[in-house]
N, C-alpha and C. Protein backbone atom coordinates (compact mmCIF):
# COMPACT_ATOMS: atom_id res chain seq x y z
N MET A 1 20.54 16.82 -46.24
CA MET A 1 19.58 17.74 -45.94
C MET A 1 20.59 18.94 -46.17
N LEU A 2 20.01 20.37 -46.39
CA LEU A 2 20.72 21.36 -46.59
C LEU A 2 20.44 22.19 -45.46
N LYS A 3 21.13 23.31 -44.96
CA LYS A 3 21.06 24.06 -44.01
C LYS A 3 20.79 25.47 -44.64
N CYS A 4 19.32 26.28 -44.66
CA CYS A 4 19.24 27.72 -45.26
C CYS A 4 19.93 28.87 -44.74
N ASN A 5 19.90 29.92 -45.04
CA ASN A 5 20.09 30.93 -44.17
C ASN A 5 19.22 31.27 -43.10
N ASP A 6 17.90 30.79 -43.74
CA ASP A 6 16.94 31.47 -42.26
C ASP A 6 16.93 30.28 -41.14
N ASP A 7 18.23 29.35 -41.34
CA ASP A 7 18.06 28.16 -40.40
C ASP A 7 16.97 27.05 -40.62
N SER A 8 16.63 27.08 -41.62
CA SER A 8 15.50 25.96 -41.96
C SER A 8 16.44 25.15 -42.41
N PHE A 9 15.65 23.97 -42.59
CA PHE A 9 16.30 22.44 -43.25
C PHE A 9 15.41 22.33 -44.46
N TYR A 10 16.14 21.79 -45.66
CA TYR A 10 15.69 21.39 -46.64
C TYR A 10 15.91 19.76 -47.11
N THR A 11 15.18 19.23 -47.00
CA THR A 11 15.48 17.43 -47.44
C THR A 11 15.05 17.23 -48.68
N GLY A 12 15.63 16.47 -49.92
CA GLY A 12 15.53 16.34 -51.19
C GLY A 12 16.28 15.18 -51.22
N PHE A 13 15.95 14.43 -52.50
CA PHE A 13 16.60 13.32 -52.80
C PHE A 13 17.17 13.47 -54.23
N THR A 14 18.09 12.77 -54.73
CA THR A 14 19.10 13.38 -55.94
C THR A 14 19.79 12.06 -56.32
N ASN A 15 19.92 11.94 -57.52
CA ASN A 15 20.82 10.87 -58.00
C ASN A 15 22.16 11.53 -58.31
N ASN A 16 22.30 12.76 -58.32
CA ASN A 16 23.73 13.35 -58.44
C ASN A 16 23.87 14.59 -57.52
N LEU A 17 24.44 14.28 -56.43
CA LEU A 17 24.51 15.55 -55.24
C LEU A 17 25.33 16.59 -55.72
N GLU A 18 26.64 16.27 -56.41
CA GLU A 18 27.15 17.66 -56.86
C GLU A 18 26.16 18.49 -57.82
N ARG A 19 25.59 17.86 -58.86
CA ARG A 19 24.93 18.86 -59.89
C ARG A 19 23.47 19.31 -58.85
N ARG A 20 23.11 18.57 -58.35
CA ARG A 20 21.93 19.13 -57.14
C ARG A 20 22.37 20.33 -56.56
N MET A 21 23.50 20.08 -55.78
CA MET A 21 23.88 21.40 -54.91
C MET A 21 24.26 22.58 -55.66
N GLN A 22 24.72 22.56 -57.12
CA GLN A 22 24.98 23.33 -57.80
C GLN A 22 23.71 24.15 -58.20
N GLU A 23 22.78 23.25 -58.27
CA GLU A 23 21.15 23.90 -58.97
C GLU A 23 20.73 24.65 -57.41
N HIS A 24 20.89 24.18 -56.11
CA HIS A 24 20.32 24.95 -55.18
C HIS A 24 21.10 26.23 -55.09
N ARG A 25 22.41 25.84 -54.99
CA ARG A 25 23.26 27.33 -54.87
C ARG A 25 23.24 28.43 -55.96
N SER A 26 22.70 27.88 -57.14
CA SER A 26 22.66 28.89 -58.28
C SER A 26 21.30 29.71 -58.22
N GLY A 27 20.31 28.90 -57.33
CA GLY A 27 18.87 29.61 -57.63
C GLY A 27 18.18 29.90 -58.71
N THR A 28 18.69 29.08 -59.82
CA THR A 28 18.05 29.21 -60.89
C THR A 28 16.41 28.84 -60.96
N ASP A 29 15.94 28.33 -60.07
CA ASP A 29 14.49 27.36 -60.23
C ASP A 29 14.26 28.18 -59.09
N LYS A 30 13.16 29.48 -59.47
CA LYS A 30 12.61 30.38 -58.64
C LYS A 30 11.49 29.54 -57.42
N ASN A 31 10.89 28.59 -57.94
CA ASN A 31 10.01 27.63 -57.68
C ASN A 31 10.47 26.81 -56.38
N CYS A 32 11.98 26.63 -56.34
CA CYS A 32 12.58 26.10 -55.28
C CYS A 32 12.56 26.40 -54.00
N TYR A 33 12.53 25.85 -52.62
CA TYR A 33 12.16 26.18 -51.59
C TYR A 33 13.57 26.95 -51.30
N THR A 34 14.88 26.40 -51.72
CA THR A 34 15.91 27.25 -51.06
C THR A 34 16.22 28.43 -52.13
N SER A 35 15.50 28.60 -53.28
CA SER A 35 15.77 29.78 -53.99
C SER A 35 16.10 31.13 -53.26
N GLN A 36 15.16 31.42 -51.98
CA GLN A 36 15.18 32.83 -51.62
C GLN A 36 15.83 32.68 -50.16
N ARG A 37 16.51 31.39 -50.08
CA ARG A 37 17.20 31.12 -48.26
C ARG A 37 18.80 30.90 -48.88
N HIS A 38 19.34 31.62 -49.72
CA HIS A 38 21.07 31.79 -49.66
C HIS A 38 21.63 31.95 -48.66
N PRO A 39 22.70 31.90 -48.39
CA PRO A 39 23.13 30.63 -48.88
C PRO A 39 22.71 29.18 -48.07
N VAL A 40 23.12 28.28 -49.12
CA VAL A 40 22.51 26.76 -48.55
C VAL A 40 23.99 26.03 -47.87
N GLU A 41 23.82 25.20 -46.97
CA GLU A 41 24.84 24.39 -46.83
C GLU A 41 24.75 23.17 -46.35
N LEU A 42 25.02 22.00 -47.16
CA LEU A 42 24.95 20.57 -47.20
C LEU A 42 25.52 20.22 -45.68
N VAL A 43 24.20 19.50 -45.06
CA VAL A 43 24.77 19.10 -43.56
C VAL A 43 24.60 17.98 -43.29
N TRP A 44 24.12 17.08 -44.27
CA TRP A 44 23.87 15.54 -44.09
C TRP A 44 23.29 14.93 -45.38
N PHE A 45 23.65 13.96 -45.37
CA PHE A 45 23.43 13.18 -46.80
C PHE A 45 23.56 11.60 -46.36
N GLN A 46 23.06 10.84 -47.36
CA GLN A 46 23.11 9.37 -46.78
C GLN A 46 22.88 9.08 -48.32
N MET A 47 23.62 7.93 -48.68
CA MET A 47 23.61 7.07 -49.81
C MET A 47 23.05 5.95 -50.00
N PHE A 48 21.99 5.48 -51.08
CA PHE A 48 21.31 4.61 -51.08
C PHE A 48 21.43 3.77 -52.17
N ASN A 49 21.53 2.63 -52.68
CA ASN A 49 21.27 1.59 -53.89
C ASN A 49 20.07 1.79 -54.29
N ASN A 50 19.08 1.95 -53.46
CA ASN A 50 17.57 1.62 -54.12
C ASN A 50 16.87 3.10 -54.09
N PRO A 51 16.59 3.57 -55.06
CA PRO A 51 15.69 5.06 -55.05
C PRO A 51 14.83 4.95 -54.41
N SER A 52 13.83 3.77 -54.48
CA SER A 52 12.56 3.94 -53.63
C SER A 52 13.21 3.85 -52.15
N VAL A 53 13.67 3.16 -51.60
CA VAL A 53 14.44 3.10 -50.16
C VAL A 53 14.74 4.89 -49.72
N ALA A 54 15.35 5.24 -50.95
CA ALA A 54 15.74 6.58 -50.79
C ALA A 54 14.69 7.67 -50.66
N ILE A 55 13.84 7.60 -51.30
CA ILE A 55 12.29 8.37 -51.38
C ILE A 55 11.63 7.98 -49.88
N ASP A 56 11.27 7.22 -49.75
CA ASP A 56 10.87 6.92 -48.36
C ASP A 56 11.37 7.29 -47.04
N PHE A 57 12.62 7.32 -47.23
CA PHE A 57 13.48 7.73 -46.36
C PHE A 57 13.42 9.43 -45.98
N GLU A 58 13.51 10.13 -47.29
CA GLU A 58 13.41 11.52 -47.39
C GLU A 58 12.03 11.75 -47.04
N LYS A 59 10.88 11.14 -47.34
CA LYS A 59 9.65 11.29 -46.67
C LYS A 59 9.35 11.14 -45.13
N LYS A 60 10.10 10.29 -44.64
CA LYS A 60 9.74 10.21 -43.22
C LYS A 60 11.04 11.33 -42.47
N ILE A 61 11.94 11.60 -43.02
CA ILE A 61 12.92 12.72 -42.41
C ILE A 61 12.05 14.28 -42.73
N LYS A 62 11.42 14.41 -44.00
CA LYS A 62 10.53 15.48 -43.86
C LYS A 62 9.55 15.58 -42.71
N GLY A 63 8.82 14.56 -42.16
CA GLY A 63 8.13 14.77 -41.14
C GLY A 63 8.49 14.58 -39.64
N TRP A 64 9.64 15.03 -39.62
CA TRP A 64 10.37 15.19 -38.20
C TRP A 64 10.51 16.26 -37.62
N SER A 65 10.66 16.79 -36.44
CA SER A 65 10.74 17.91 -36.07
C SER A 65 12.14 18.63 -36.23
N ARG A 66 12.29 19.57 -36.06
CA ARG A 66 13.63 20.41 -36.19
C ARG A 66 14.66 19.86 -35.60
N ARG A 67 14.46 19.53 -34.17
CA ARG A 67 15.26 18.98 -33.07
C ARG A 67 15.81 17.48 -33.40
N LYS A 68 14.88 16.67 -34.04
CA LYS A 68 15.24 15.37 -34.08
C LYS A 68 16.24 15.42 -35.65
N LYS A 69 15.76 16.05 -36.58
CA LYS A 69 16.44 16.44 -37.82
C LYS A 69 18.18 16.57 -37.27
N GLN A 70 18.11 17.66 -36.24
CA GLN A 70 19.58 18.12 -35.81
C GLN A 70 20.55 17.11 -34.83
N ALA A 71 19.39 16.39 -34.46
CA ALA A 71 20.19 15.38 -33.61
C ALA A 71 20.86 14.00 -34.90
N LEU A 72 19.89 13.79 -35.98
CA LEU A 72 20.50 12.99 -37.12
C LEU A 72 21.94 13.76 -37.62
N ILE A 73 21.61 15.04 -37.94
CA ILE A 73 23.05 15.68 -38.21
C ILE A 73 24.08 15.34 -37.37
N ASP A 74 24.10 15.73 -36.28
CA ASP A 74 24.84 15.74 -35.21
C ASP A 74 25.26 14.19 -34.71
N GLU A 75 24.60 13.28 -35.47
CA GLU A 75 24.80 11.98 -35.11
C GLU A 75 24.69 11.39 -33.77
N ASP A 76 23.53 12.06 -32.75
CA ASP A 76 23.54 12.02 -31.43
C ASP A 76 21.94 10.99 -31.50
N TRP A 77 22.59 9.72 -31.61
CA TRP A 77 21.49 8.52 -31.74
C TRP A 77 20.96 8.60 -30.37
N GLU A 78 21.47 9.05 -29.13
CA GLU A 78 20.22 8.78 -28.22
C GLU A 78 19.24 10.23 -28.08
N ARG A 79 19.63 11.25 -28.57
CA ARG A 79 18.29 12.44 -28.78
C ARG A 79 17.57 12.07 -29.77
N LEU A 80 18.30 11.34 -31.05
CA LEU A 80 17.42 11.06 -32.06
C LEU A 80 16.28 9.88 -31.68
N VAL A 81 16.76 8.89 -30.94
CA VAL A 81 15.59 8.23 -30.22
C VAL A 81 14.59 8.79 -29.22
N ARG A 82 15.13 9.54 -27.89
CA ARG A 82 14.28 10.40 -27.42
C ARG A 82 13.22 10.97 -28.05
N TYR A 83 13.61 12.01 -29.25
CA TYR A 83 12.88 12.65 -29.88
C TYR A 83 11.72 11.83 -30.82
N SER A 84 12.18 10.40 -30.80
CA SER A 84 11.20 9.81 -31.57
C SER A 84 10.19 8.87 -30.66
N LYS A 85 10.23 9.36 -29.33
CA LYS A 85 9.54 8.95 -28.78
C LYS A 85 8.06 9.63 -28.36
N ASN A 86 6.79 9.16 -27.99
CA ASN A 86 5.68 9.87 -27.92
C ASN A 86 5.85 10.94 -26.80
N TYR A 87 5.67 12.17 -27.16
CA TYR A 87 5.41 13.43 -26.08
C TYR A 87 4.62 13.21 -25.34
N THR A 88 3.49 12.60 -25.51
CA THR A 88 2.59 12.62 -24.16
C THR A 88 3.26 11.81 -23.17
N GLN A 89 4.22 10.52 -23.28
CA GLN A 89 4.62 9.83 -22.12
C GLN A 89 6.07 10.31 -22.11
N PHE A 90 6.52 11.00 -22.84
CA PHE A 90 8.04 11.81 -22.32
C PHE A 90 8.56 12.95 -22.31
N GLY A 91 7.29 14.03 -22.87
CA GLY A 91 7.67 15.23 -22.29
C GLY A 91 8.18 15.74 -23.63
N LYS A 92 8.03 17.13 -24.03
CA LYS A 92 8.65 18.18 -25.16
C LYS A 92 10.00 18.52 -24.60
N ASP A 93 10.39 18.45 -23.78
CA ASP A 93 11.40 19.08 -23.67
C ASP A 93 12.39 18.06 -22.80
N ASP A 94 13.64 17.80 -23.15
CA ASP A 94 14.31 16.99 -22.54
C ASP A 94 15.47 17.56 -21.61
N GLY A 95 15.55 19.08 -21.54
CA GLY A 95 16.28 19.99 -20.66
C GLY A 95 17.35 20.56 -21.06
N ALA A 96 17.54 20.13 -22.54
CA ALA A 96 18.67 20.63 -23.19
C ALA A 96 18.57 21.65 -23.92
N SER A 97 19.56 22.90 -23.94
CA SER A 97 19.26 24.09 -24.60
C SER A 97 19.71 24.06 -26.05
N THR A 98 18.85 23.16 -26.83
CA THR A 98 19.19 23.31 -28.22
C THR A 98 18.82 24.27 -29.44
N GLY A 99 17.94 25.28 -28.80
CA GLY A 99 16.90 25.55 -29.61
C GLY A 99 15.78 25.51 -29.90
N SER A 100 15.40 26.13 -31.07
CA SER A 100 13.81 25.84 -31.29
C SER A 100 13.57 24.33 -31.93
N ALA A 101 12.63 24.02 -31.89
CA ALA A 101 12.21 22.27 -31.97
C ALA A 101 11.86 22.31 -33.40
């Protein structure tokens, strides 16, 4: 997961992290989400042995809220679980000032 200069997160999948980071940093692909959001910073990654599992997890993360992604980046498992719960049952705000969701 990359953090872009506009504070947004980009989640992607690759079989070569160094090469893909270079591609994002160079901005040569003008159709890429990160091309107009430089600089980008690698804030989280996970290695998988099975590409299908990696792609499924990528898709899952893309559907997460910003604060849930930040909890993953911070390795704050309590917040990650809390943000995974139903908003109507547990509320949208946990009282912490963590920025926008």
